[in-house]
Amino acid sequence: MSPFSPSPGRTGRLASWRAELADAPASVLALVDLLAANPFWTIRGVADRLGVAYTTAMRAVQRLEGMGVLQAVGEAKRDRLFCAGRILAALE
Protein backbone atom coordinates (compact mmCIF):
# COMPACT_ATOMS: atom_id res chain seq x y z
CA MET A 1 0.00 0.00 0.00
CA SER A 2 1.42 3.37 -0.98
CA PRO A 3 1.65 5.99 1.80
CA PHE A 4 -0.28 8.31 -0.47
CA SER A 5 -3.27 6.00 -0.88
CA PRO A 6 -6.39 6.70 1.10
CA SER A 7 -5.99 5.05 4.48
CA PRO A 8 -8.14 4.75 7.57
CA GLY A 9 -7.19 8.05 9.15
CA ARG A 10 -4.06 9.40 10.69
CA THR A 11 -2.88 6.16 12.32
CA GLY A 12 -2.96 4.21 9.07
CA ARG A 13 -1.14 6.94 7.19
CA LEU A 14 1.61 7.17 9.83
CA ALA A 15 2.04 3.39 9.82
CA SER A 16 2.42 3.31 6.05
CA TRP A 17 4.97 6.15 6.12
CA ARG A 18 6.95 4.31 8.80
CA ALA A 19 6.90 1.13 6.70
CA GLU A 20 8.17 2.98 3.62
CA LEU A 21 10.87 4.62 5.74
CA ALA A 22 12.07 1.43 7.44
CA ASP A 23 15.64 2.04 6.24
CA ALA A 24 15.62 5.76 7.08
CA PRO A 25 17.72 7.37 9.81
CA ALA A 26 16.17 7.54 13.27
CA SER A 27 15.67 11.30 12.94
CA VAL A 28 13.31 10.80 9.99
CA LEU A 29 11.25 8.22 11.87
CA ALA A 30 11.16 10.46 14.95
CA LEU A 31 9.91 13.33 12.78
CA VAL A 32 7.06 11.13 11.52
CA ASP A 33 6.11 10.56 15.16
CA LEU A 34 6.20 14.32 15.82
CA LEU A 35 3.82 14.89 12.93
CA ALA A 36 1.22 12.78 14.71
CA ALA A 37 1.12 15.32 17.53
CA ASN A 38 1.52 18.46 15.44
CA PRO A 39 1.49 18.60 11.63
CA PHE A 40 3.28 22.01 11.59
CA TRP A 41 7.05 22.30 12.23
CA THR A 42 10.02 24.48 11.43
CA ILE A 43 13.44 22.92 10.96
CA ARG A 44 14.66 24.67 14.13
CA GLY A 45 11.64 23.31 16.04
CA VAL A 46 12.36 19.77 14.83
CA ALA A 47 16.03 20.11 15.81
CA ASP A 48 15.15 21.40 19.28
CA ARG A 49 12.45 18.81 19.91
CA LEU A 50 14.53 15.85 18.72
CA GLY A 51 17.75 17.13 20.27
CA VAL A 52 19.64 16.88 16.98
CA ALA A 53 21.76 19.28 14.94
CA TYR A 54 20.01 21.71 12.62
CA THR A 55 21.50 19.95 9.57
CA THR A 56 20.19 16.58 10.76
CA ALA A 57 16.71 18.05 11.18
CA MET A 58 17.00 19.71 7.76
CA ARG A 59 17.83 16.38 6.09
CA ALA A 60 14.88 14.70 7.84
CA VAL A 61 12.51 17.45 6.67
CA GLN A 62 13.94 17.29 3.14
CA ARG A 63 13.44 13.51 3.03
CA LEU A 64 9.78 13.83 4.00
CA GLU A 65 9.33 16.82 1.70
CA GLY A 66 10.72 14.74 -1.18
CA MET A 67 8.14 12.04 -0.44
CA GLY A 68 5.34 14.60 -0.44
CA VAL A 69 4.69 14.11 3.27
CA LEU A 70 5.69 17.69 4.16
CA GLN A 71 5.10 20.85 2.19
CA ALA A 72 6.56 24.30 2.81
CA VAL A 73 3.96 26.84 3.87
CA GLY A 74 4.45 30.31 2.42
CA GLU A 75 7.43 31.83 0.69
CA ALA A 76 9.69 32.53 3.69
CA LYS A 77 13.40 31.99 3.11
CA ARG A 78 14.21 31.73 6.84
CA ASP A 79 12.31 29.91 9.56
CA ARG A 80 10.17 28.24 6.91
CA LEU A 81 7.13 26.42 8.24
CA PHE A 82 6.37 22.93 6.96
CA CYS A 83 3.02 21.16 7.12
CA ALA A 84 2.00 17.53 6.79
CA GLY A 85 -1.15 18.30 4.83
CA ARG A 86 -2.48 14.73 4.79
CA ILE A 87 -2.23 14.54 8.59
CA LEU A 88 -3.94 17.90 8.90
CA ALA A 89 -6.76 16.72 6.64
CA ALA A 90 -7.23 13.59 8.77
CA LEU A 91 -7.56 15.76 11.86
CA GLU A 92 -10.30 17.92 10.38
C-alpha atoms as a PDB file:
ATOM      1  CA  MET A   1       0.000   0.000   0.000  1.00  0.00           C
ATOM      2  CA  SER A   2       1.416   3.372  -0.979  1.00  0.00           C
ATOM      3  CA  PRO A   3       1.651   5.989   1.799  1.00  0.00           C
ATOM      4  CA  PHE A   4      -0.283   8.315  -0.470  1.00  0.00           C
ATOM      5  CA  SER A   5      -3.272   5.997  -0.884  1.00  0.00           C
ATOM      6  CA  PRO A   6      -6.386   6.698   1.101  1.00  0.00           C
ATOM      7  CA  SER A   7      -5.994   5.052   4.483  1.00  0.00           C
ATOM      8  CA  PRO A   8      -8.141   4.752   7.571  1.00  0.00           C
ATOM      9  CA  GLY A   9      -7.187   8.052   9.150  1.00  0.00           C
ATOM     10  CA  ARG A  10      -4.057   9.399  10.685  1.00  0.00           C
ATOM     11  CA  THR A  11      -2.877   6.163  12.324  1.00  0.00           C
ATOM     12  CA  GLY A  12      -2.963   4.208   9.069  1.00  0.00           C
ATOM     13  CA  ARG A  13      -1.141   6.938   7.192  1.00  0.00           C
ATOM     14  CA  LEU A  14       1.607   7.170   9.832  1.00  0.00           C
ATOM     15  CA  ALA A  15       2.045   3.395   9.820  1.00  0.00           C
ATOM     16  CA  SER A  16       2.424   3.307   6.049  1.00  0.00           C
ATOM     17  CA  TRP A  17       4.975   6.153   6.115  1.00  0.00           C
ATOM     18  CA  ARG A  18       6.947   4.307   8.803  1.00  0.00           C
ATOM     19  CA  ALA A  19       6.900   1.128   6.699  1.00  0.00           C
ATOM     20  CA  GLU A  20       8.171   2.978   3.623  1.00  0.00           C
ATOM     21  CA  LEU A  21      10.874   4.619   5.741  1.00  0.00           C
ATOM     22  CA  ALA A  22      12.070   1.434   7.442  1.00  0.00           C
ATOM     23  CA  ASP A  23      15.637   2.042   6.238  1.00  0.00           C
ATOM     24  CA  ALA A  24      15.618   5.760   7.082  1.00  0.00           C
ATOM     25  CA  PRO A  25      17.720   7.373   9.807  1.00  0.00           C
ATOM     26  CA  ALA A  26      16.175   7.537  13.274  1.00  0.00           C
ATOM     27  CA  SER A  27      15.668  11.305  12.935  1.00  0.00           C
ATOM     28  CA  VAL A  28      13.311  10.804   9.985  1.00  0.00           C
ATOM     29  CA  LEU A  29      11.255   8.220  11.870  1.00  0.00           C
ATOM     30  CA  ALA A  30      11.156  10.456  14.946  1.00  0.00           C
ATOM     31  CA  LEU A  31       9.908  13.334  12.781  1.00  0.00           C
ATOM     32  CA  VAL A  32       7.063  11.130  11.515  1.00  0.00           C
ATOM     33  CA  ASP A  33       6.106  10.565  15.156  1.00  0.00           C
ATOM     34  CA  LEU A  34       6.200  14.324  15.817  1.00  0.00           C
ATOM     35  CA  LEU A  35       3.818  14.894  12.926  1.00  0.00           C
ATOM     36  CA  ALA A  36       1.217  12.784  14.711  1.00  0.00           C
ATOM     37  CA  ALA A  37       1.118  15.317  17.535  1.00  0.00           C
ATOM     38  CA  ASN A  38       1.518  18.462  15.443  1.00  0.00           C
ATOM     39  CA  PRO A  39       1.486  18.598  11.631  1.00  0.00           C
ATOM     40  CA  PHE A  40       3.284  22.011  11.595  1.00  0.00           C
ATOM     41  CA  TRP A  41       7.047  22.301  12.226  1.00  0.00           C
ATOM     42  CA  THR A  42      10.022  24.475  11.435  1.00  0.00           C
ATOM     43  CA  ILE A  43      13.436  22.918  10.964  1.00  0.00           C
ATOM     44  CA  ARG A  44      14.659  24.665  14.129  1.00  0.00           C
ATOM     45  CA  GLY A  45      11.642  23.308  16.039  1.00  0.00           C
ATOM     46  CA  VAL A  46      12.359  19.768  14.829  1.00  0.00           C
ATOM     47  CA  ALA A  47      16.033  20.111  15.811  1.00  0.00           C
ATOM     48  CA  ASP A  48      15.147  21.400  19.275  1.00  0.00           C
ATOM     49  CA  ARG A  49      12.447  18.807  19.911  1.00  0.00           C
ATOM     50  CA  LEU A  50      14.530  15.852  18.721  1.00  0.00           C
ATOM     51  CA  GLY A  51      17.752  17.125  20.268  1.00  0.00           C
ATOM     52  CA  VAL A  52      19.639  16.875  16.979  1.00  0.00           C
ATOM     53  CA  ALA A  53      21.761  19.276  14.938  1.00  0.00           C
ATOM     54  CA  TYR A  54      20.011  21.713  12.624  1.00  0.00           C
ATOM     55  CA  THR A  55      21.501  19.954   9.570  1.00  0.00           C
ATOM     56  CA  THR A  56      20.191  16.581  10.760  1.00  0.00           C
ATOM     57  CA  ALA A  57      16.712  18.050  11.178  1.00  0.00           C
ATOM     58  CA  MET A  58      16.997  19.713   7.759  1.00  0.00           C
ATOM     59  CA  ARG A  59      17.831  16.382   6.092  1.00  0.00           C
ATOM     60  CA  ALA A  60      14.877  14.703   7.837  1.00  0.00           C
ATOM     61  CA  VAL A  61      12.507  17.452   6.669  1.00  0.00           C
ATOM     62  CA  GLN A  62      13.940  17.286   3.139  1.00  0.00           C
ATOM     63  CA  ARG A  63      13.441  13.515   3.032  1.00  0.00           C
ATOM     64  CA  LEU A  64       9.779  13.831   3.997  1.00  0.00           C
ATOM     65  CA  GLU A  65       9.328  16.816   1.696  1.00  0.00           C
ATOM     66  CA  GLY A  66      10.718  14.738  -1.181  1.00  0.00           C
ATOM     67  CA  MET A  67       8.136  12.041  -0.441  1.00  0.00           C
ATOM     68  CA  GLY A  68       5.343  14.603  -0.442  1.00  0.00           C
ATOM     69  CA  VAL A  69       4.694  14.111   3.272  1.00  0.00           C
ATOM     70  CA  LEU A  70       5.694  17.685   4.160  1.00  0.00           C
ATOM     71  CA  GLN A  71       5.098  20.854   2.186  1.00  0.00           C
ATOM     72  CA  ALA A  72       6.561  24.296   2.805  1.00  0.00           C
ATOM     73  CA  VAL A  73       3.957  26.845   3.875  1.00  0.00           C
ATOM     74  CA  GLY A  74       4.446  30.309   2.421  1.00  0.00           C
ATOM     75  CA  GLU A  75       7.432  31.827   0.693  1.00  0.00           C
ATOM     76  CA  ALA A  76       9.688  32.531   3.689  1.00  0.00           C
ATOM     77  CA  LYS A  77      13.397  31.989   3.111  1.00  0.00           C
ATOM     78  CA  ARG A  78      14.207  31.726   6.842  1.00  0.00           C
ATOM     79  CA  ASP A  79      12.312  29.913   9.564  1.00  0.00           C
ATOM     80  CA  ARG A  80      10.175  28.241   6.911  1.00  0.00           C
ATOM     81  CA  LEU A  81       7.134  26.419   8.245  1.00  0.00           C
ATOM     82  CA  PHE A  82       6.372  22.927   6.964  1.00  0.00           C
ATOM     83  CA  CYS A  83       3.018  21.160   7.115  1.00  0.00           C
ATOM     84  CA  ALA A  84       1.998  17.525   6.795  1.00  0.00           C
ATOM     85  CA  GLY A  85      -1.152  18.300   4.832  1.00  0.00           C
ATOM     86  CA  ARG A  86      -2.477  14.734   4.791  1.00  0.00           C
ATOM     87  CA  ILE A  87      -2.235  14.541   8.591  1.00  0.00           C
ATOM     88  CA  LEU A  88      -3.941  17.900   8.904  1.00  0.00           C
ATOM     89  CA  ALA A  89      -6.763  16.725   6.640  1.00  0.00           C
ATOM     90  CA  ALA A  90      -7.232  13.591   8.771  1.00  0.00           C
ATOM     91  CA  LEU A  91      -7.555  15.760  11.863  1.00  0.00           C
ATOM     92  CA  GLU A  92     -10.303  17.921  10.376  1.00  0.00           C
END
